[in-house]
Amino acid sequence: MFYFLLVLFVYVGLYIFSSKREHLLSVLLSLEFIALGLFVMFLVFLCKISVFYSLLYLTFAACEGALGLSVLVIIRRTHGGDYFKSFDFLIL
């Protein structure tokens, strides 16, 4: 039952990522939701082998989150919002 909840955790994140694409912030939050679900799965499945791999994954997930937030700040400053419809990629 616990493994089913972990898989459901990741699939709910994938569903939110694929369906809610109006704001960049909601897309970034769904990616972090997926990363957190995968971290818990790594922690459960790899705890018998080594915790090092799950901590390595958590480090990369934190770097991905920081990169996403920096992109969000840059887009907010240049385009005035985080709406995908307001992005004009021809003018940089």
N, C-alpha and C. Protein backbone atom coordinates (compact mmCIF):
# COMPACT_ATOMS: atom_id res chain seq x y z
N MET A 1 0.83 -1.19 0.00
CA MET A 1 0.00 0.00 0.00
C MET A 1 0.87 1.26 0.00
N PHE A 2 1.98 1.21 0.74
CA PHE A 2 2.87 2.37 0.81
C PHE A 2 3.52 2.64 -0.54
N TYR A 3 3.89 1.59 -1.26
CA TYR A 3 4.51 1.76 -2.58
C TYR A 3 3.53 2.35 -3.58
N PHE A 4 2.27 1.96 -3.45
CA PHE A 4 1.24 2.52 -4.32
C PHE A 4 1.10 4.02 -4.07
N LEU A 5 1.18 4.44 -2.82
CA LEU A 5 1.08 5.87 -2.50
C LEU A 5 2.27 6.65 -3.05
N LEU A 6 3.45 6.03 -3.03
CA LEU A 6 4.62 6.69 -3.59
C LEU A 6 4.49 6.88 -5.10
N VAL A 7 4.01 5.86 -5.78
CA VAL A 7 3.82 5.95 -7.22
C VAL A 7 2.71 6.96 -7.54
N LEU A 8 1.67 6.97 -6.74
CA LEU A 8 0.58 7.94 -6.91
C LEU A 8 1.09 9.36 -6.70
N PHE A 9 2.00 9.53 -5.76
CA PHE A 9 2.61 10.82 -5.48
C PHE A 9 3.28 11.38 -6.74
N VAL A 10 4.03 10.54 -7.43
CA VAL A 10 4.74 10.97 -8.64
C VAL A 10 3.75 11.21 -9.78
N TYR A 11 2.75 10.34 -9.94
CA TYR A 11 1.79 10.51 -11.02
C TYR A 11 0.92 11.73 -10.85
N VAL A 12 0.60 12.09 -9.62
CA VAL A 12 -0.16 13.33 -9.40
C VAL A 12 0.68 14.54 -9.80
N GLY A 13 1.95 14.51 -9.50
CA GLY A 13 2.85 15.58 -9.94
C GLY A 13 2.94 15.66 -11.45
N LEU A 14 3.01 14.51 -12.11
CA LEU A 14 3.05 14.50 -13.58
C LEU A 14 1.74 15.02 -14.18
N TYR A 15 0.62 14.69 -13.53
CA TYR A 15 -0.68 15.18 -14.02
C TYR A 15 -0.77 16.70 -13.88
N ILE A 16 -0.34 17.22 -12.75
CA ILE A 16 -0.36 18.67 -12.56
C ILE A 16 0.58 19.35 -13.54
N PHE A 17 1.74 18.74 -13.77
CA PHE A 17 2.70 19.31 -14.72
C PHE A 17 2.13 19.36 -16.13
N SER A 18 1.40 18.33 -16.53
CA SER A 18 0.91 18.29 -17.91
C SER A 18 -0.39 19.04 -18.11
N SER A 19 -1.16 19.29 -17.06
CA SER A 19 -2.46 19.93 -17.26
C SER A 19 -2.49 21.41 -16.88
N LYS A 20 -1.76 21.82 -15.90
CA LYS A 20 -1.80 23.21 -15.42
C LYS A 20 -0.59 23.98 -15.94
N ARG A 21 -0.73 24.52 -17.13
CA ARG A 21 0.40 25.22 -17.73
C ARG A 21 0.09 26.70 -17.96
N GLU A 22 -0.59 27.33 -17.03
CA GLU A 22 -0.88 28.74 -17.20
C GLU A 22 0.21 29.62 -16.59
N HIS A 23 0.72 29.21 -15.44
CA HIS A 23 1.76 29.96 -14.76
C HIS A 23 3.04 29.14 -14.70
N LEU A 24 4.15 29.83 -14.82
CA LEU A 24 5.45 29.17 -14.71
C LEU A 24 5.68 28.67 -13.29
N LEU A 25 5.18 29.39 -12.31
CA LEU A 25 5.37 28.99 -10.92
C LEU A 25 4.67 27.67 -10.60
N SER A 26 3.48 27.45 -11.16
CA SER A 26 2.79 26.17 -10.93
C SER A 26 3.52 25.02 -11.59
N VAL A 27 4.15 25.26 -12.73
CA VAL A 27 4.95 24.22 -13.39
C VAL A 27 6.18 23.89 -12.55
N LEU A 28 6.82 24.92 -12.01
CA LEU A 28 8.00 24.68 -11.16
C LEU A 28 7.62 23.95 -9.88
N LEU A 29 6.48 24.28 -9.30
CA LEU A 29 6.04 23.59 -8.09
C LEU A 29 5.70 22.13 -8.36
N SER A 30 5.12 21.85 -9.52
CA SER A 30 4.83 20.46 -9.84
C SER A 30 6.11 19.67 -10.08
N LEU A 31 7.12 20.31 -10.67
CA LEU A 31 8.41 19.63 -10.84
C LEU A 31 9.06 19.33 -9.48
N GLU A 32 8.93 20.25 -8.53
CA GLU A 32 9.46 19.99 -7.19
C GLU A 32 8.67 18.90 -6.48
N PHE A 33 7.38 18.82 -6.74
CA PHE A 33 6.54 17.77 -6.18
C PHE A 33 6.99 16.40 -6.70
N ILE A 34 7.29 16.33 -7.99
CA ILE A 34 7.79 15.09 -8.58
C ILE A 34 9.16 14.74 -8.00
N ALA A 35 10.01 15.74 -7.85
CA ALA A 35 11.35 15.50 -7.30
C ALA A 35 11.27 15.00 -5.86
N LEU A 36 10.34 15.54 -5.09
CA LEU A 36 10.18 15.08 -3.71
C LEU A 36 9.66 13.65 -3.66
N GLY A 37 8.73 13.31 -4.54
CA GLY A 37 8.23 11.94 -4.61
C GLY A 37 9.31 10.95 -5.00
N LEU A 38 10.13 11.33 -5.98
CA LEU A 38 11.22 10.44 -6.38
C LEU A 38 12.27 10.31 -5.28
N PHE A 39 12.48 11.39 -4.52
CA PHE A 39 13.43 11.30 -3.41
C PHE A 39 12.95 10.30 -2.36
N VAL A 40 11.67 10.35 -2.03
CA VAL A 40 11.14 9.40 -1.04
C VAL A 40 11.23 7.98 -1.58
N MET A 41 10.97 7.80 -2.88
CA MET A 41 11.11 6.46 -3.47
C MET A 41 12.55 5.98 -3.41
N PHE A 42 13.51 6.86 -3.73
CA PHE A 42 14.92 6.49 -3.61
C PHE A 42 15.27 6.14 -2.17
N LEU A 43 14.76 6.91 -1.24
CA LEU A 43 15.06 6.67 0.16
C LEU A 43 14.52 5.32 0.62
N VAL A 44 13.33 4.95 0.17
CA VAL A 44 12.72 3.68 0.58
C VAL A 44 13.43 2.51 -0.09
N PHE A 45 13.66 2.61 -1.40
CA PHE A 45 14.21 1.47 -2.13
C PHE A 45 15.71 1.30 -1.96
N LEU A 46 16.42 2.39 -1.74
CA LEU A 46 17.88 2.29 -1.66
C LEU A 46 18.42 2.39 -0.24
N CYS A 47 17.54 2.38 0.77
CA CYS A 47 18.04 2.52 2.14
C CYS A 47 18.84 1.29 2.57
N LYS A 48 18.57 0.16 1.98
CA LYS A 48 19.33 -1.04 2.33
C LYS A 48 20.71 -1.04 1.69
N ILE A 49 20.82 -0.40 0.53
CA ILE A 49 22.10 -0.38 -0.18
C ILE A 49 22.97 0.77 0.34
N SER A 50 22.48 1.99 0.14
CA SER A 50 23.23 3.16 0.56
C SER A 50 22.32 4.38 0.54
N VAL A 51 22.48 5.22 1.52
CA VAL A 51 21.70 6.46 1.58
C VAL A 51 22.39 7.54 0.75
N PHE A 52 23.62 7.29 0.36
CA PHE A 52 24.40 8.27 -0.39
C PHE A 52 23.71 8.65 -1.70
N TYR A 53 23.14 7.70 -2.41
CA TYR A 53 22.52 7.98 -3.70
C TYR A 53 21.29 8.86 -3.55
N SER A 54 20.52 8.66 -2.50
CA SER A 54 19.35 9.50 -2.30
C SER A 54 19.76 10.92 -1.92
N LEU A 55 20.82 11.06 -1.15
CA LEU A 55 21.30 12.41 -0.81
C LEU A 55 21.90 13.10 -2.02
N LEU A 56 22.54 12.35 -2.89
CA LEU A 56 23.06 12.92 -4.13
C LEU A 56 21.92 13.42 -5.01
N TYR A 57 20.85 12.64 -5.09
CA TYR A 57 19.68 13.06 -5.85
C TYR A 57 19.04 14.30 -5.23
N LEU A 58 18.97 14.37 -3.91
CA LEU A 58 18.39 15.53 -3.23
C LEU A 58 19.22 16.79 -3.50
N THR A 59 20.53 16.64 -3.60
CA THR A 59 21.39 17.77 -3.93
C THR A 59 21.09 18.29 -5.33
N PHE A 60 20.96 17.38 -6.29
CA PHE A 60 20.65 17.80 -7.66
C PHE A 60 19.24 18.39 -7.76
N ALA A 61 18.31 17.89 -6.99
CA ALA A 61 16.95 18.43 -6.99
C ALA A 61 16.93 19.84 -6.41
N ALA A 62 17.74 20.10 -5.39
CA ALA A 62 17.82 21.44 -4.82
C ALA A 62 18.45 22.42 -5.81
N CYS A 63 19.46 21.96 -6.53
CA CYS A 63 20.06 22.80 -7.56
C CYS A 63 19.08 23.10 -8.68
N GLU A 64 18.27 22.12 -9.04
CA GLU A 64 17.24 22.32 -10.07
C GLU A 64 16.19 23.31 -9.60
N GLY A 65 15.83 23.26 -8.34
CA GLY A 65 14.86 24.21 -7.79
C GLY A 65 15.41 25.63 -7.78
N ALA A 66 16.67 25.78 -7.40
CA ALA A 66 17.28 27.11 -7.39
C ALA A 66 17.40 27.68 -8.80
N LEU A 67 17.73 26.82 -9.75
CA LEU A 67 17.82 27.27 -11.14
C LEU A 67 16.45 27.68 -11.67
N GLY A 68 15.41 26.92 -11.32
CA GLY A 68 14.06 27.27 -11.75
C GLY A 68 13.59 28.59 -11.17
N LEU A 69 13.89 28.83 -9.90
CA LEU A 69 13.50 30.10 -9.29
C LEU A 69 14.27 31.27 -9.88
N SER A 70 15.53 31.07 -10.23
CA SER A 70 16.28 32.17 -10.86
C SER A 70 15.74 32.48 -12.24
N VAL A 71 15.33 31.45 -12.98
CA VAL A 71 14.70 31.68 -14.29
C VAL A 71 13.37 32.41 -14.11
N LEU A 72 12.62 32.05 -13.08
CA LEU A 72 11.36 32.73 -12.79
C LEU A 72 11.58 34.20 -12.48
N VAL A 73 12.60 34.53 -11.71
CA VAL A 73 12.88 35.93 -11.38
C VAL A 73 13.30 36.70 -12.62
N ILE A 74 14.12 36.10 -13.47
CA ILE A 74 14.56 36.78 -14.69
C ILE A 74 13.38 37.02 -15.63
N ILE A 75 12.52 36.03 -15.79
CA ILE A 75 11.36 36.19 -16.65
C ILE A 75 10.39 37.22 -16.08
N ARG A 76 10.26 37.25 -14.77
CA ARG A 76 9.39 38.24 -14.12
C ARG A 76 9.90 39.65 -14.35
N ARG A 77 11.19 39.83 -14.32
CA ARG A 77 11.77 41.16 -14.54
C ARG A 77 11.68 41.59 -16.00
N THR A 78 11.87 40.67 -16.92
CA THR A 78 11.89 41.06 -18.33
C THR A 78 10.50 41.12 -18.95
N HIS A 79 9.60 40.22 -18.58
CA HIS A 79 8.30 40.13 -19.23
C HIS A 79 7.15 40.61 -18.36
N GLY A 80 7.37 40.88 -17.08
CA GLY A 80 6.35 41.44 -16.23
C GLY A 80 5.41 40.45 -15.58
N GLY A 81 5.58 39.18 -15.79
CA GLY A 81 4.70 38.20 -15.17
C GLY A 81 5.18 36.79 -15.46
N ASP A 82 4.49 35.82 -14.87
CA ASP A 82 4.88 34.43 -15.09
C ASP A 82 3.86 33.69 -15.94
N TYR A 83 3.01 34.42 -16.65
CA TYR A 83 2.07 33.79 -17.56
C TYR A 83 2.80 33.29 -18.81
N PHE A 84 2.46 32.09 -19.25
CA PHE A 84 3.08 31.58 -20.47
C PHE A 84 2.59 32.31 -21.70
N LYS A 85 1.37 32.85 -21.65
CA LYS A 85 0.81 33.54 -22.80
C LYS A 85 1.47 34.88 -23.06
N SER A 86 2.08 35.48 -22.03
CA SER A 86 2.69 36.79 -22.18
C SER A 86 4.15 36.73 -22.61
N PHE A 87 4.70 35.54 -22.79
CA PHE A 87 6.10 35.42 -23.17
C PHE A 87 6.23 35.71 -24.66
N ASP A 88 7.16 36.59 -24.99
CA ASP A 88 7.48 36.85 -26.37
C ASP A 88 8.96 36.51 -26.54
N PHE A 89 9.21 35.34 -27.05
CA PHE A 89 10.59 34.85 -27.11
C PHE A 89 11.36 35.40 -28.30
N LEU A 90 10.71 36.16 -29.18
CA LEU A 90 11.42 36.75 -30.31
C LEU A 90 12.23 37.96 -29.87
N ILE A 91 11.79 38.63 -28.81
CA ILE A 91 12.51 39.79 -28.31
C ILE A 91 13.16 39.40 -27.00
N LEU A 92 14.46 39.33 -26.97
CA LEU A 92 15.18 38.95 -25.75
C LEU A 92 15.97 40.10 -25.20
